[in-house]
Amino acid sequence: MDGFPKTVRAADVPYTVILRSGAELFDDEAAEVADLIHSCGAVKGTVEQIESRVRRAHLLIIARWAKEISGVAALKSPDTTYRKRLKEGVGVDVTESEYPTELGYVAVSKANRGRRLSSVLMEELMSLPIGRDGVFATTKREGYRKAALPDLGFKCRGSYLNDERETVYLLTKAPNI
């Protein structure tokens, strides 16, 4: 993809980033990405289940530092059932026609946290043509809800309690026209 791979900096640390669709991931990349996402605990399921879902992502941005995957973020196409649960839980309809993609799978390895790498990766995705369409995101993280996502043009639309009784926030970003 144009302009990639490229180097981005987070807290003056240079990361090499690549873009790939989930279907284009090499087996070892898919496994490493799924393991990172699983270790961060934001996505439910086994590593194998997460890997299967990662392979369906529209686009992943993957950051490497010292040959290891340090961070990842994705634009994905959630299924109708998930969209329906969000409407029931929050009362906001995130239709596929208005919000075709979801920003998700944002994860940074423990060794690379605190450098704003997740914000850099999300910013890179939102600057791409697909990121300029209507996008939604869900998060349990206050920092994402209050700063990182609003800085990218997302607006908090409400929240719901998940099965673990955790507050999950829904944010949407209107298309750039």
Protein backbone atom coordinates (compact mmCIF):
# COMPACT_ATOMS: atom_id res chain seq x y z
CA MET A 1 0.00 0.00 0.00
CA ASP A 2 1.22 3.47 -0.81
CA GLY A 3 3.64 4.91 1.70
CA PHE A 4 4.07 1.67 3.63
CA PRO A 5 6.12 0.26 5.19
CA LYS A 6 7.16 3.44 6.91
CA THR A 7 8.64 4.61 10.17
CA VAL A 8 6.57 6.35 12.83
CA ARG A 9 7.77 7.68 16.15
CA ALA A 10 6.14 7.32 19.52
CA ALA A 11 8.02 8.89 22.44
CA ASP A 12 11.06 9.18 20.13
CA VAL A 13 11.11 5.42 19.56
CA PRO A 14 11.11 4.54 15.85
CA TYR A 15 8.64 1.84 14.85
CA THR A 16 8.32 0.27 11.42
CA VAL A 17 4.66 0.03 10.48
CA ILE A 18 3.00 -2.01 7.77
CA LEU A 19 -0.56 -2.24 6.51
CA ARG A 20 -2.17 -5.55 5.65
CA SER A 21 -5.66 -6.89 5.31
CA GLY A 22 -6.37 -9.73 7.68
CA ALA A 23 -6.46 -12.14 4.77
CA GLU A 24 -2.94 -11.05 3.71
CA LEU A 25 -1.30 -11.80 7.07
CA PHE A 26 1.38 -14.44 7.09
CA ASP A 27 0.62 -17.29 9.49
CA ASP A 28 3.29 -16.22 11.99
CA GLU A 29 2.07 -12.59 11.87
CA ALA A 30 -1.54 -13.59 12.44
CA ALA A 31 -0.55 -15.74 15.41
CA GLU A 32 1.65 -13.00 16.91
CA VAL A 33 -1.03 -10.33 16.42
CA ALA A 34 -3.70 -12.57 17.99
CA ASP A 35 -1.42 -13.35 20.93
CA LEU A 36 -0.77 -9.64 21.52
CA ILE A 37 -4.47 -8.78 21.38
CA HIS A 38 -5.29 -11.68 23.71
CA SER A 39 -2.57 -10.70 26.20
CA CYS A 40 -4.00 -7.18 26.44
CA GLY A 41 -7.37 -8.62 27.47
CA ALA A 42 -9.57 -6.21 25.52
CA VAL A 43 -11.00 -8.87 23.23
CA LYS A 44 -12.72 -11.98 24.51
CA GLY A 45 -11.87 -15.45 23.25
CA THR A 46 -8.96 -17.78 22.86
CA VAL A 47 -5.91 -16.85 20.81
CA GLU A 48 -7.23 -19.13 18.05
CA GLN A 49 -10.66 -17.45 18.06
CA ILE A 50 -9.08 -14.00 17.97
CA GLU A 51 -6.76 -15.06 15.13
CA SER A 52 -9.77 -16.19 13.11
CA ARG A 53 -11.45 -12.81 13.61
CA VAL A 54 -8.22 -10.89 12.87
CA ARG A 55 -8.00 -12.63 9.50
CA ARG A 56 -11.38 -11.07 8.59
CA ALA A 57 -10.24 -7.50 9.35
CA HIS A 58 -10.32 -5.00 6.49
CA LEU A 59 -7.02 -3.46 7.41
CA LEU A 60 -4.46 -3.82 10.19
CA ILE A 61 -1.62 -1.49 10.99
CA ILE A 62 1.18 -3.38 12.69
CA ALA A 63 4.11 -1.72 14.44
CA ARG A 64 7.41 -3.53 14.90
CA TRP A 65 10.31 -2.61 17.09
CA ALA A 66 13.35 -4.86 17.42
CA LYS A 67 11.72 -7.41 15.08
CA GLU A 68 8.78 -8.02 17.41
CA ILE A 69 5.22 -6.81 16.96
CA SER A 70 4.86 -3.96 19.42
CA GLY A 71 1.39 -2.72 18.58
CA VAL A 72 -1.60 -3.20 16.33
CA ALA A 73 -4.87 -1.50 15.44
CA ALA A 74 -7.48 -2.47 12.87
CA LEU A 75 -10.41 -1.34 10.84
CA LYS A 76 -12.90 -4.17 10.74
CA SER A 77 -16.40 -4.89 9.53
CA PRO A 78 -18.49 -6.05 12.47
CA ASP A 79 -21.37 -8.41 11.93
CA THR A 80 -25.04 -7.48 12.15
CA THR A 81 -25.49 -9.26 15.48
CA TYR A 82 -22.85 -7.08 17.14
CA ARG A 83 -24.38 -3.93 15.68
CA LYS A 84 -27.79 -5.03 16.98
CA ARG A 85 -26.37 -5.59 20.50
CA LEU A 86 -24.90 -2.09 20.44
CA LYS A 87 -28.27 -0.61 19.45
CA GLU A 88 -30.00 -2.53 22.24
CA GLY A 89 -27.34 -1.62 24.82
CA VAL A 90 -26.67 2.01 23.95
CA GLY A 91 -29.74 2.98 21.94
CA VAL A 92 -27.65 4.14 18.98
CA ASP A 93 -27.96 2.50 15.58
CA VAL A 94 -24.52 2.04 13.99
CA THR A 95 -25.79 0.95 10.59
CA GLU A 96 -23.39 -0.44 8.03
CA SER A 97 -24.38 2.27 5.56
CA GLU A 98 -23.52 5.09 7.99
CA TYR A 99 -20.61 3.42 9.85
CA PRO A 100 -19.15 0.73 7.57
CA THR A 101 -16.10 0.06 9.75
CA GLU A 102 -15.14 -0.28 13.38
CA LEU A 103 -11.82 0.78 14.85
CA GLY A 104 -10.67 -2.07 17.06
CA TYR A 105 -8.06 -4.61 18.10
CA VAL A 106 -5.97 -1.76 19.51
CA ALA A 107 -3.21 -3.40 21.53
CA VAL A 108 0.32 -2.50 22.56
CA SER A 109 2.84 -4.87 24.12
CA LYS A 110 3.67 -4.34 27.77
CA ALA A 111 7.24 -3.25 26.92
CA ASN A 112 5.94 -0.47 24.64
CA ARG A 113 3.11 0.98 26.72
CA GLY A 114 3.19 4.59 27.85
CA ARG A 115 4.69 5.86 24.59
CA ARG A 116 1.36 6.79 22.91
CA LEU A 117 1.93 4.11 20.27
CA SER A 118 -1.77 3.19 20.24
CA SER A 119 -2.68 6.81 19.48
CA VAL A 120 -0.12 6.95 16.66
CA LEU A 121 -1.49 3.73 15.13
CA MET A 122 -5.11 4.89 15.37
CA GLU A 123 -4.17 8.26 13.84
CA GLU A 124 -2.46 6.51 10.92
CA LEU A 125 -5.57 4.40 10.24
CA MET A 126 -7.93 7.38 10.47
CA SER A 127 -5.78 9.28 7.94
CA LEU A 128 -6.32 6.59 5.28
CA PRO A 129 -9.24 6.85 2.81
CA ILE A 130 -11.14 4.02 4.56
CA GLY A 131 -10.65 5.81 7.90
CA ARG A 132 -12.36 8.89 6.51
CA ASP A 133 -15.64 7.01 6.10
CA GLY A 134 -18.00 6.73 9.04
CA VAL A 135 -16.28 4.72 11.76
CA PHE A 136 -17.31 3.60 15.22
CA ALA A 137 -15.37 2.27 18.18
CA THR A 138 -16.10 0.71 21.53
CA THR A 139 -13.79 0.96 24.51
CA LYS A 140 -13.63 0.31 28.22
CA ARG A 141 -10.60 2.60 28.57
CA GLU A 142 -11.25 6.06 29.97
CA GLY A 143 -8.18 7.49 28.24
CA TYR A 144 -9.50 6.39 24.86
CA ARG A 145 -12.99 7.70 25.61
CA LYS A 146 -11.87 11.06 26.97
CA ALA A 147 -8.82 11.87 24.84
CA ALA A 148 -7.43 9.51 22.19
CA LEU A 149 -10.66 8.91 20.26
CA PRO A 150 -12.08 12.46 20.58
CA ASP A 151 -8.72 13.77 19.31
CA LEU A 152 -9.44 11.73 16.14
CA GLY A 153 -12.94 13.18 15.70
CA PHE A 154 -14.96 10.55 17.59
CA LYS A 155 -17.91 11.56 19.76
CA CYS A 156 -19.11 9.51 22.72
CA ARG A 157 -22.66 8.34 22.06
CA GLY A 158 -23.33 6.44 25.28
CA SER A 159 -22.41 3.32 27.20
CA TYR A 160 -23.68 -0.06 28.34
CA LEU A 161 -22.67 -2.74 30.83
CA ASN A 162 -21.19 -5.87 29.26
CA ASP A 163 -21.60 -9.42 30.61
CA GLU A 164 -18.79 -8.80 33.14
CA ARG A 165 -20.59 -5.65 34.37
CA GLU A 166 -17.90 -3.41 32.87
CA THR A 167 -18.84 -0.09 31.29
CA VAL A 168 -18.27 -0.08 27.53
CA TYR A 169 -18.45 3.21 25.65
CA LEU A 170 -19.63 3.62 22.05
CA LEU A 171 -18.05 6.41 20.02
CA THR A 172 -18.74 7.38 16.43
CA LYS A 173 -16.92 9.45 13.83
CA ALA A 174 -18.94 10.91 10.97
CA PRO A 175 -17.53 10.61 7.46
CA ASN A 176 -15.19 13.35 6.21
CA ILE A 177 -16.99 14.74 3.22
